[in-house]
C-alpha cells in the first residue's frame, strides 16, 4: 500500500525538526494531531528454535492527547523565525495531515510512523529511525546441535 509522505510538502522541513525534537527530548506534541514519545530499548537476544539478535532501537508511541512540549518555540529557534511564523507552519502541517488522512486514508511521517485508516498508528521500525542501532538490523541463526558443539570442542586448535 502506498502511503503519502508529508515531509515533501513544506519549504522548511518541519518533519525533520519534529524528528529532531523527538530524539532529543523523547517527546513532541503536535497540536491537533497528538503526542509522540520515544523510548530507548536496549539490544536483546531472543532464544527459541533460533537465536535472534535485535539491535538497540528507539520505540515510538503515539497518543491523541496533546501534552504541551513547546513545539512552536523549538521550531522558531531552529528555523530562526518568529513564533507566529512557526505556529503558522504547524497549522499548515496539521491541516495538510488531516486533509491527506481524509483523502488517502493513511499518512506516513518518515522516521516516525504511519497513521492508518482505522486510526491505528504503526511506528517506523527501520534501523534509520534509531541513532542507537548503528545501522544494525535484526538477524537470526540456528542453534548448534550437541553433535556440532562437540565437533567444535574437539577441533584442533592453532
C-alpha atoms as a PDB file:
ATOM      1  CA  UNK A   1       0.000   0.000   0.000  1.00  0.00           C
ATOM      2  CA  UNK A   2       1.313   3.432  -0.905  1.00  0.00           C
ATOM      3  CA  UNK A   3       1.436   5.999   1.865  1.00  0.00           C
ATOM      4  CA  UNK A   4       1.549   9.759   1.453  1.00  0.00           C
ATOM      5  CA  UNK A   5       4.704  11.282   2.920  1.00  0.00           C
ATOM      6  CA  UNK A   6       4.065  14.743   4.354  1.00  0.00           C
ATOM      7  CA  UNK A   7       7.675  15.895   4.505  1.00  0.00           C
ATOM      8  CA  UNK A   8       7.697  16.596   0.746  1.00  0.00           C
ATOM      9  CA  UNK A   9       5.153  19.418   1.052  1.00  0.00           C
ATOM     10  CA  UNK A  10       6.898  22.051   3.176  1.00  0.00           C
ATOM     11  CA  UNK A  11       9.660  24.514   2.302  1.00  0.00           C
ATOM     12  CA  UNK A  12      11.000  24.273   5.827  1.00  0.00           C
ATOM     13  CA  UNK A  13      11.469  20.625   6.693  1.00  0.00           C
ATOM     14  CA  UNK A  14       9.082  20.722   9.629  1.00  0.00           C
ATOM     15  CA  UNK A  15       9.083  16.952   9.921  1.00  0.00           C
ATOM     16  CA  UNK A  16      12.866  16.955  10.300  1.00  0.00           C
ATOM     17  CA  UNK A  17      12.539  19.395  13.219  1.00  0.00           C
ATOM     18  CA  UNK A  18       9.813  17.228  14.775  1.00  0.00           C
ATOM     19  CA  UNK A  19      12.042  14.128  14.468  1.00  0.00           C
ATOM     20  CA  UNK A  20      14.968  16.020  15.990  1.00  0.00           C
ATOM     21  CA  UNK A  21      12.876  17.164  18.966  1.00  0.00           C
ATOM     22  CA  UNK A  22      11.505  13.651  19.428  1.00  0.00           C
ATOM     23  CA  UNK A  23      15.014  12.167  19.546  1.00  0.00           C
ATOM     24  CA  UNK A  24      16.492  14.832  21.808  1.00  0.00           C
ATOM     25  CA  UNK A  25      13.552  15.394  24.176  1.00  0.00           C
ATOM     26  CA  UNK A  26      11.862  11.941  23.848  1.00  0.00           C
ATOM     27  CA  UNK A  27       8.515  13.698  23.444  1.00  0.00           C
ATOM     28  CA  UNK A  28       6.893  16.051  20.970  1.00  0.00           C
ATOM     29  CA  UNK A  29       3.287  17.225  20.809  1.00  0.00           C
ATOM     30  CA  UNK A  30       1.684  18.459  17.614  1.00  0.00           C
ATOM     31  CA  UNK A  31      -1.455  20.435  18.460  1.00  0.00           C
ATOM     32  CA  UNK A  32      -4.381  18.978  16.537  1.00  0.00           C
ATOM     33  CA  UNK A  33      -2.680  15.601  15.987  1.00  0.00           C
ATOM     34  CA  UNK A  34      -1.304  14.321  19.294  1.00  0.00           C
ATOM     35  CA  UNK A  35       1.838  13.429  21.207  1.00  0.00           C
ATOM     36  CA  UNK A  36       4.707  11.191  20.143  1.00  0.00           C
ATOM     37  CA  UNK A  37       7.006   9.674  22.750  1.00  0.00           C
ATOM     38  CA  UNK A  38      10.223   7.778  22.157  1.00  0.00           C
ATOM     39  CA  UNK A  39      11.802   5.262  24.487  1.00  0.00           C
ATOM     40  CA  UNK A  40      15.156   3.516  24.247  1.00  0.00           C
ATOM     41  CA  UNK A  41      15.069  -0.257  24.027  1.00  0.00           C
ATOM     42  CA  UNK A  42      18.462  -1.994  24.516  1.00  0.00           C
ATOM     43  CA  UNK A  43      19.788  -4.772  22.291  1.00  0.00           C
ATOM     44  CA  UNK A  44      18.495  -8.216  23.127  1.00  0.00           C
ATOM     45  CA  UNK A  45      18.887 -11.891  22.266  1.00  0.00           C
ATOM     46  CA  UNK A  46      15.770 -13.963  21.859  1.00  0.00           C
ATOM     47  CA  UNK A  47      16.387 -17.674  22.257  1.00  0.00           C
ATOM     48  CA  UNK A  48      13.879 -20.115  20.796  1.00  0.00           C
ATOM     49  CA  UNK A  49      14.238 -22.516  17.853  1.00  0.00           C
ATOM     50  CA  UNK A  50      16.669 -19.954  16.512  1.00  0.00           C
ATOM     51  CA  UNK A  51      18.671 -17.272  18.218  1.00  0.00           C
ATOM     52  CA  UNK A  52      17.609 -13.783  17.155  1.00  0.00           C
ATOM     53  CA  UNK A  53      19.635 -10.636  17.747  1.00  0.00           C
ATOM     54  CA  UNK A  54      17.615  -7.430  17.905  1.00  0.00           C
ATOM     55  CA  UNK A  55      19.743  -4.272  17.901  1.00  0.00           C
ATOM     56  CA  UNK A  56      19.069  -1.404  20.266  1.00  0.00           C
ATOM     57  CA  UNK A  57      16.343   0.880  18.994  1.00  0.00           C
ATOM     58  CA  UNK A  58      14.099   3.781  19.778  1.00  0.00           C
ATOM     59  CA  UNK A  59      10.461   2.754  20.047  1.00  0.00           C
ATOM     60  CA  UNK A  60       7.943   5.466  19.179  1.00  0.00           C
ATOM     61  CA  UNK A  61       4.446   5.549  20.646  1.00  0.00           C
ATOM     62  CA  UNK A  62       1.537   7.873  19.944  1.00  0.00           C
ATOM     63  CA  UNK A  63      -1.324   9.306  21.980  1.00  0.00           C
ATOM     64  CA  UNK A  64      -4.105  11.557  20.697  1.00  0.00           C
ATOM     65  CA  UNK A  65      -3.829  13.616  23.864  1.00  0.00           C
ATOM     66  CA  UNK A  66      -1.682  16.671  23.285  1.00  0.00           C
ATOM     67  CA  UNK A  67       0.873  17.330  26.003  1.00  0.00           C
ATOM     68  CA  UNK A  68       2.424  20.766  25.504  1.00  0.00           C
ATOM     69  CA  UNK A  69       6.125  20.424  24.689  1.00  0.00           C
ATOM     70  CA  UNK A  70       6.636  23.891  23.255  1.00  0.00           C
ATOM     71  CA  UNK A  71       6.846  22.788  19.617  1.00  0.00           C
ATOM     72  CA  UNK A  72       6.322  26.357  18.400  1.00  0.00           C
ATOM     73  CA  UNK A  73       9.293  27.610  20.416  1.00  0.00           C
ATOM     74  CA  UNK A  74      11.552  24.790  19.176  1.00  0.00           C
ATOM     75  CA  UNK A  75      10.615  25.413  15.538  1.00  0.00           C
ATOM     76  CA  UNK A  76      11.051  29.190  15.836  1.00  0.00           C
ATOM     77  CA  UNK A  77      14.514  28.694  17.325  1.00  0.00           C
ATOM     78  CA  UNK A  78      15.582  26.029  14.808  1.00  0.00           C
ATOM     79  CA  UNK A  79      14.253  27.886  11.759  1.00  0.00           C
ATOM     80  CA  UNK A  80      15.196  31.358  13.004  1.00  0.00           C
ATOM     81  CA  UNK A  81      11.665  32.693  12.586  1.00  0.00           C
ATOM     82  CA  UNK A  82       9.053  34.212  14.863  1.00  0.00           C
ATOM     83  CA  UNK A  83       6.804  32.060  16.987  1.00  0.00           C
ATOM     84  CA  UNK A  84       3.849  33.312  14.903  1.00  0.00           C
ATOM     85  CA  UNK A  85       5.538  32.059  11.716  1.00  0.00           C
ATOM     86  CA  UNK A  86       6.308  28.752  13.417  1.00  0.00           C
ATOM     87  CA  UNK A  87       2.699  28.442  14.587  1.00  0.00           C
ATOM     88  CA  UNK A  88       1.520  29.087  11.022  1.00  0.00           C
ATOM     89  CA  UNK A  89       3.799  26.326   9.732  1.00  0.00           C
ATOM     90  CA  UNK A  90       2.436  23.914  12.347  1.00  0.00           C
ATOM     91  CA  UNK A  91      -1.151  24.840  11.471  1.00  0.00           C
ATOM     92  CA  UNK A  92      -0.444  24.257   7.768  1.00  0.00           C
ATOM     93  CA  UNK A  93       1.193  20.915   8.589  1.00  0.00           C
ATOM     94  CA  UNK A  94      -1.779  19.792  10.709  1.00  0.00           C
ATOM     95  CA  UNK A  95      -4.282  20.924   8.066  1.00  0.00           C
ATOM     96  CA  UNK A  96      -2.392  19.066   5.341  1.00  0.00           C
ATOM     97  CA  UNK A  97      -2.133  15.997   7.587  1.00  0.00           C
ATOM     98  CA  UNK A  98      -5.891  15.948   8.220  1.00  0.00           C
ATOM     99  CA  UNK A  99      -6.784  16.565   4.572  1.00  0.00           C
ATOM    100  CA  UNK A 100      -4.448  13.787   3.463  1.00  0.00           C
ATOM    101  CA  UNK A 101      -5.951  11.382   6.008  1.00  0.00           C
ATOM    102  CA  UNK A 102      -9.427  12.140   4.652  1.00  0.00           C
ATOM    103  CA  UNK A 103      -8.375  11.707   1.020  1.00  0.00           C
ATOM    104  CA  UNK A 104      -5.808   8.891   1.191  1.00  0.00           C
ATOM    105  CA  UNK A 105      -6.881   7.170   4.442  1.00  0.00           C
ATOM    106  CA  UNK A 106      -3.273   6.827   5.616  1.00  0.00           C
ATOM    107  CA  UNK A 107      -0.322   9.116   6.202  1.00  0.00           C
ATOM    108  CA  UNK A 108       3.333   8.260   6.711  1.00  0.00           C
ATOM    109  CA  UNK A 109       5.567  10.549   8.732  1.00  0.00           C
ATOM    110  CA  UNK A 110       9.024   9.402   7.632  1.00  0.00           C
ATOM    111  CA  UNK A 111      11.165   8.355  10.555  1.00  0.00           C
ATOM    112  CA  UNK A 112       8.205   8.454  12.955  1.00  0.00           C
ATOM    113  CA  UNK A 113       5.432   6.167  11.753  1.00  0.00           C
ATOM    114  CA  UNK A 114       2.257   5.703   9.757  1.00  0.00           C
ATOM    115  CA  UNK A 115      -1.320   6.557  10.620  1.00  0.00           C
ATOM    116  CA  UNK A 116      -3.784   4.044   9.163  1.00  0.00           C
ATOM    117  CA  UNK A 117      -7.392   4.410   8.069  1.00  0.00           C
ATOM    118  CA  UNK A 118      -8.692   2.602  11.169  1.00  0.00           C
ATOM    119  CA  UNK A 119      -6.983   5.153  13.421  1.00  0.00           C
ATOM    120  CA  UNK A 120      -4.064   2.910  14.370  1.00  0.00           C
ATOM    121  CA  UNK A 121      -0.500   4.194  14.491  1.00  0.00           C
ATOM    122  CA  UNK A 122       2.356   1.958  13.318  1.00  0.00           C
ATOM    123  CA  UNK A 123       5.772   3.232  14.443  1.00  0.00           C
ATOM    124  CA  UNK A 124       8.597   3.286  11.912  1.00  0.00           C
ATOM    125  CA  UNK A 125      10.909   0.452  12.945  1.00  0.00           C
ATOM    126  CA  UNK A 126      13.533   0.807  10.223  1.00  0.00           C
ATOM    127  CA  UNK A 127      17.125   0.995  11.508  1.00  0.00           C
ATOM    128  CA  UNK A 128      17.397   4.565  10.204  1.00  0.00           C
ATOM    129  CA  UNK A 129      14.904   5.793  12.820  1.00  0.00           C
ATOM    130  CA  UNK A 130      17.180   4.945  15.746  1.00  0.00           C
ATOM    131  CA  UNK A 131      20.562   6.545  16.184  1.00  0.00           C
ATOM    132  CA  UNK A 132      21.309   3.715  18.628  1.00  0.00           C
ATOM    133  CA  UNK A 133      21.212   0.928  16.015  1.00  0.00           C
ATOM    134  CA  UNK A 134      24.480   1.966  14.409  1.00  0.00           C
ATOM    135  CA  UNK A 135      22.980   0.705  11.127  1.00  0.00           C
ATOM    136  CA  UNK A 136      22.473  -2.786  12.518  1.00  0.00           C
ATOM    137  CA  UNK A 137      19.449  -4.804  11.552  1.00  0.00           C
ATOM    138  CA  UNK A 138      17.845  -7.813  13.185  1.00  0.00           C
ATOM    139  CA  UNK A 139      19.301 -11.230  12.305  1.00  0.00           C
ATOM    140  CA  UNK A 140      18.761 -14.859  13.321  1.00  0.00           C
ATOM    141  CA  UNK A 141      20.786 -18.049  13.265  1.00  0.00           C
ATOM    142  CA  UNK A 142      20.173 -21.688  14.123  1.00  0.00           C
ATOM    143  CA  UNK A 143      21.326 -23.096  17.428  1.00  0.00           C
ATOM    144  CA  UNK A 144      24.168 -25.608  17.268  1.00  0.00           C
ATOM    145  CA  UNK A 145      23.208 -29.180  17.918  1.00  0.00           C
ATOM    146  CA  UNK A 146      25.041 -31.109  20.661  1.00  0.00           C
ATOM    147  CA  UNK A 147      26.943 -33.036  17.955  1.00  0.00           C
ATOM    148  CA  UNK A 148      28.062 -29.782  16.308  1.00  0.00           C
ATOM    149  CA  UNK A 149      29.156 -28.340  19.656  1.00  0.00           C
ATOM    150  CA  UNK A 150      31.178 -31.494  20.400  1.00  0.00           C
ATOM    151  CA  UNK A 151      32.805 -31.348  16.967  1.00  0.00           C
ATOM    152  CA  UNK A 152      33.871 -27.721  17.585  1.00  0.00           C
ATOM    153  CA  UNK A 153      35.147 -28.525  21.098  1.00  0.00           C
ATOM    154  CA  UNK A 154      37.248 -31.405  19.733  1.00  0.00           C
ATOM    155  CA  UNK A 155      38.638 -29.485  16.743  1.00  0.00           C
ATOM    156  CA  UNK A 156      42.418 -28.988  16.750  1.00  0.00           C
ATOM    157  CA  UNK A 157      43.497 -25.542  17.938  1.00  0.00           C
ATOM    158  CA  UNK A 158      46.053 -23.483  16.026  1.00  0.00           C
END
